[in-house]
Amino acid sequence: MIPGGPRNPREMAQMMRRLGMSSEAIPDVEEVVVRTRTKEHVFQKPEVTILTVQGVRSYQVVGTPTVRPRSADAPTAAPAAEVPSAPPSRGPPEDDIRLVMEQANVPREEAVEALLQAKGEPAEAIMKILTRDR
């Protein structure tokens, strides 16, 4: 849901550009496979979009997967080195707070509150701040 009500596509594209966001569809995708330790989620002919926010690329895969067990002869990646876990954090990550503060030009407290309301999503928090009635 976009704060401030529905927008037309042109306004949405302008807002995304102001926030440093871009979206790009990948044409002719035949298959996407997501492997876990015990299963494979196989998407046949999915819609794949790359969303770039402040230089960070996220891939969105839309489709209905077929879930199947991993076969014993499937290649597996080498186990990753164990990283010591950090203690549970209280509140949004510092990088997200700084991003919201800079992009929306708001004080830290307002950025933290917007991130909490947006369930930790920086782009949503920025849009919420920028589209509210002042």
C-alpha atoms as a PDB file:
ATOM      1  CA  MET A   1       0.000   0.000   0.000  1.00  0.00           C
ATOM      2  CA  ILE A   2       1.300   3.420  -0.910  1.00  0.00           C
ATOM      3  CA  PRO A   3       0.791   6.106   1.698  1.00  0.00           C
ATOM      4  CA  GLY A   4      -1.326   9.024   0.556  1.00  0.00           C
ATOM      5  CA  GLY A   5      -3.698   7.017  -1.625  1.00  0.00           C
ATOM      6  CA  PRO A   6      -3.501   5.807  -5.198  1.00  0.00           C
ATOM      7  CA  ARG A   7      -1.173   7.515  -7.671  1.00  0.00           C
ATOM      8  CA  ASN A   8      -0.998   7.447 -11.409  1.00  0.00           C
ATOM      9  CA  PRO A   9       1.966   5.648 -13.022  1.00  0.00           C
ATOM     10  CA  ARG A  10       3.672   8.887 -14.047  1.00  0.00           C
ATOM     11  CA  GLU A  11       3.621  10.266 -10.478  1.00  0.00           C
ATOM     12  CA  MET A  12       4.876   6.929  -9.206  1.00  0.00           C
ATOM     13  CA  ALA A  13       7.789   6.932 -11.680  1.00  0.00           C
ATOM     14  CA  GLN A  14       8.715  10.501 -10.688  1.00  0.00           C
ATOM     15  CA  MET A  15       8.608   9.609  -6.987  1.00  0.00           C
ATOM     16  CA  MET A  16      10.784   6.549  -7.576  1.00  0.00           C
ATOM     17  CA  ARG A  17      13.369   8.657  -9.448  1.00  0.00           C
ATOM     18  CA  ARG A  18      13.448  11.206  -6.604  1.00  0.00           C
ATOM     19  CA  LEU A  19      14.071   8.391  -4.125  1.00  0.00           C
ATOM     20  CA  GLY A  20      16.860   6.928  -6.250  1.00  0.00           C
ATOM     21  CA  MET A  21      14.777   3.901  -7.223  1.00  0.00           C
ATOM     22  CA  SER A  22      14.512   2.214 -10.611  1.00  0.00           C
ATOM     23  CA  SER A  23      12.719  -0.880 -11.846  1.00  0.00           C
ATOM     24  CA  GLU A  24      13.692  -3.087 -14.785  1.00  0.00           C
ATOM     25  CA  ALA A  25      11.874  -6.168 -16.076  1.00  0.00           C
ATOM     26  CA  ILE A  26      13.988  -9.091 -17.321  1.00  0.00           C
ATOM     27  CA  PRO A  27      12.370 -10.425 -20.492  1.00  0.00           C
ATOM     28  CA  ASP A  28      12.127 -14.071 -21.582  1.00  0.00           C
ATOM     29  CA  VAL A  29      12.994 -15.698 -18.244  1.00  0.00           C
ATOM     30  CA  GLU A  30      12.560 -19.444 -18.626  1.00  0.00           C
ATOM     31  CA  GLU A  31      13.171 -20.720 -15.092  1.00  0.00           C
ATOM     32  CA  VAL A  32      14.197 -19.614 -11.603  1.00  0.00           C
ATOM     33  CA  VAL A  33      15.310 -22.174  -9.016  1.00  0.00           C
ATOM     34  CA  VAL A  34      15.567 -21.419  -5.294  1.00  0.00           C
ATOM     35  CA  ARG A  35      17.433 -24.166  -3.455  1.00  0.00           C
ATOM     36  CA  THR A  36      17.308 -24.775   0.254  1.00  0.00           C
ATOM     37  CA  ARG A  37      19.071 -27.558   2.088  1.00  0.00           C
ATOM     38  CA  THR A  38      16.184 -29.990   1.555  1.00  0.00           C
ATOM     39  CA  LYS A  39      13.978 -28.548  -1.213  1.00  0.00           C
ATOM     40  CA  GLU A  40      13.964 -26.815  -4.567  1.00  0.00           C
ATOM     41  CA  HIS A  41      11.386 -24.175  -5.494  1.00  0.00           C
ATOM     42  CA  VAL A  42      11.220 -24.122  -9.295  1.00  0.00           C
ATOM     43  CA  PHE A  43       9.438 -21.262 -11.064  1.00  0.00           C
ATOM     44  CA  GLN A  44       8.668 -21.950 -14.743  1.00  0.00           C
ATOM     45  CA  LYS A  45       8.232 -18.831 -16.925  1.00  0.00           C
ATOM     46  CA  PRO A  46       8.195 -16.361 -13.985  1.00  0.00           C
ATOM     47  CA  GLU A  47       8.059 -12.595 -14.219  1.00  0.00           C
ATOM     48  CA  VAL A  48      11.361 -11.241 -12.881  1.00  0.00           C
ATOM     49  CA  THR A  49      11.958  -7.591 -12.041  1.00  0.00           C
ATOM     50  CA  ILE A  50      15.105  -5.908 -10.740  1.00  0.00           C
ATOM     51  CA  LEU A  51      14.420  -3.105  -8.265  1.00  0.00           C
ATOM     52  CA  THR A  52      17.422  -0.855  -7.640  1.00  0.00           C
ATOM     53  CA  VAL A  53      17.277   1.362  -4.547  1.00  0.00           C
ATOM     54  CA  GLN A  54      20.306   3.524  -3.780  1.00  0.00           C
ATOM     55  CA  GLY A  55      22.545   1.151  -5.763  1.00  0.00           C
ATOM     56  CA  VAL A  56      21.268  -2.022  -4.060  1.00  0.00           C
ATOM     57  CA  ARG A  57      19.639  -4.451  -6.490  1.00  0.00           C
ATOM     58  CA  SER A  58      16.758  -6.687  -5.382  1.00  0.00           C
ATOM     59  CA  TYR A  59      15.179  -9.317  -7.574  1.00  0.00           C
ATOM     60  CA  GLN A  60      11.430  -9.913  -7.481  1.00  0.00           C
ATOM     61  CA  VAL A  61      10.198 -13.241  -8.818  1.00  0.00           C
ATOM     62  CA  VAL A  62       6.474 -13.597  -9.511  1.00  0.00           C
ATOM     63  CA  GLY A  63       4.987 -16.975 -10.331  1.00  0.00           C
ATOM     64  CA  THR A  64       3.820 -20.241  -8.836  1.00  0.00           C
ATOM     65  CA  PRO A  65       6.655 -22.572  -7.874  1.00  0.00           C
ATOM     66  CA  THR A  66       6.779 -26.315  -8.000  1.00  0.00           C
ATOM     67  CA  VAL A  67       8.331 -27.487  -4.730  1.00  0.00           C
ATOM     68  CA  ARG A  68      10.294 -30.705  -4.839  1.00  0.00           C
ATOM     69  CA  PRO A  69      12.825 -32.423  -2.587  1.00  0.00           C
ATOM     70  CA  ARG A  70      16.498 -31.936  -3.420  1.00  0.00           C
ATOM     71  CA  SER A  71      18.021 -34.928  -5.099  1.00  0.00           C
ATOM     72  CA  ALA A  72      20.991 -36.616  -3.464  1.00  0.00           C
ATOM     73  CA  ASP A  73      23.192 -36.116  -6.538  1.00  0.00           C
ATOM     74  CA  ALA A  74      22.465 -32.377  -6.843  1.00  0.00           C
ATOM     75  CA  PRO A  75      25.585 -30.235  -6.514  1.00  0.00           C
ATOM     76  CA  THR A  76      25.806 -28.490  -3.187  1.00  0.00           C
ATOM     77  CA  ALA A  77      27.764 -25.428  -2.262  1.00  0.00           C
ATOM     78  CA  ALA A  78      30.575 -25.705   0.236  1.00  0.00           C
ATOM     79  CA  PRO A  79      29.358 -24.951   3.748  1.00  0.00           C
ATOM     80  CA  ALA A  80      29.763 -21.295   4.601  1.00  0.00           C
ATOM     81  CA  ALA A  81      32.047 -20.336   7.427  1.00  0.00           C
ATOM     82  CA  GLU A  82      30.048 -19.859  10.573  1.00  0.00           C
ATOM     83  CA  VAL A  83      29.652 -16.212  11.441  1.00  0.00           C
ATOM     84  CA  PRO A  84      29.198 -15.386  15.095  1.00  0.00           C
ATOM     85  CA  SER A  85      25.685 -14.145  15.606  1.00  0.00           C
ATOM     86  CA  ALA A  86      25.212 -10.614  16.803  1.00  0.00           C
ATOM     87  CA  PRO A  87      23.012  -9.948  19.786  1.00  0.00           C
ATOM     88  CA  PRO A  88      19.417  -9.156  18.822  1.00  0.00           C
ATOM     89  CA  SER A  89      19.121  -5.533  17.820  1.00  0.00           C
ATOM     90  CA  ARG A  90      16.592  -3.091  19.158  1.00  0.00           C
ATOM     91  CA  GLY A  91      15.066  -1.118  16.314  1.00  0.00           C
ATOM     92  CA  PRO A  92      15.996  -0.597  12.668  1.00  0.00           C
ATOM     93  CA  PRO A  93      19.582  -0.912  11.383  1.00  0.00           C
ATOM     94  CA  GLU A  94      21.693   2.240  11.551  1.00  0.00           C
ATOM     95  CA  ASP A  95      22.221   2.293   7.763  1.00  0.00           C
ATOM     96  CA  ASP A  96      18.444   2.316   7.184  1.00  0.00           C
ATOM     97  CA  ILE A  97      17.981   5.125   9.711  1.00  0.00           C
ATOM     98  CA  ARG A  98      20.667   7.235   8.017  1.00  0.00           C
ATOM     99  CA  LEU A  99      19.177   6.559   4.576  1.00  0.00           C
ATOM    100  CA  VAL A 100      15.697   7.691   5.668  1.00  0.00           C
ATOM    101  CA  MET A 101      17.127  10.752   7.451  1.00  0.00           C
ATOM    102  CA  GLU A 102      19.091  11.811   4.347  1.00  0.00           C
ATOM    103  CA  GLN A 103      16.447  11.062   1.712  1.00  0.00           C
ATOM    104  CA  ALA A 104      13.472  12.509   3.622  1.00  0.00           C
ATOM    105  CA  ASN A 105      15.458  15.286   5.357  1.00  0.00           C
ATOM    106  CA  VAL A 106      14.063  14.458   8.801  1.00  0.00           C
ATOM    107  CA  PRO A 107      15.559  14.102  12.297  1.00  0.00           C
ATOM    108  CA  ARG A 108      16.628  10.695  13.604  1.00  0.00           C
ATOM    109  CA  GLU A 109      13.560  10.180  15.833  1.00  0.00           C
ATOM    110  CA  GLU A 110      11.199  10.748  12.908  1.00  0.00           C
ATOM    111  CA  ALA A 111      13.216   8.384  10.684  1.00  0.00           C
ATOM    112  CA  VAL A 112      13.140   5.634  13.338  1.00  0.00           C
ATOM    113  CA  GLU A 113       9.383   6.058  13.853  1.00  0.00           C
ATOM    114  CA  ALA A 114       8.720   5.915  10.097  1.00  0.00           C
ATOM    115  CA  LEU A 115      10.853   2.756   9.785  1.00  0.00           C
ATOM    116  CA  LEU A 116       8.984   1.096  12.632  1.00  0.00           C
ATOM    117  CA  GLN A 117       5.623   1.961  11.034  1.00  0.00           C
ATOM    118  CA  ALA A 118       6.897   0.666   7.661  1.00  0.00           C
ATOM    119  CA  LYS A 119       8.006  -2.624   9.269  1.00  0.00           C
ATOM    120  CA  GLY A 120      11.667  -1.858   8.577  1.00  0.00           C
ATOM    121  CA  GLU A 121      11.276  -1.039   4.864  1.00  0.00           C
ATOM    122  CA  PRO A 122      13.356   2.114   4.133  1.00  0.00           C
ATOM    123  CA  ALA A 123      11.698   2.909   0.781  1.00  0.00           C
ATOM    124  CA  GLU A 124       8.226   2.657   2.331  1.00  0.00           C
ATOM    125  CA  ALA A 125       9.311   4.830   5.276  1.00  0.00           C
ATOM    126  CA  ILE A 126      10.711   7.497   2.948  1.00  0.00           C
ATOM    127  CA  MET A 127       7.566   7.476   0.813  1.00  0.00           C
ATOM    128  CA  LYS A 128       5.407   7.715   3.934  1.00  0.00           C
ATOM    129  CA  ILE A 129       7.285  10.795   5.134  1.00  0.00           C
ATOM    130  CA  LEU A 130       7.376  12.466   1.700  1.00  0.00           C
ATOM    131  CA  THR A 131       3.671  11.913   0.961  1.00  0.00           C
ATOM    132  CA  ARG A 132       2.156  12.886   4.299  1.00  0.00           C
ATOM    133  CA  ASP A 133       0.220  16.110   4.705  1.00  0.00           C
ATOM    134  CA  ARG A 134       2.366  18.856   6.137  1.00  0.00           C
END
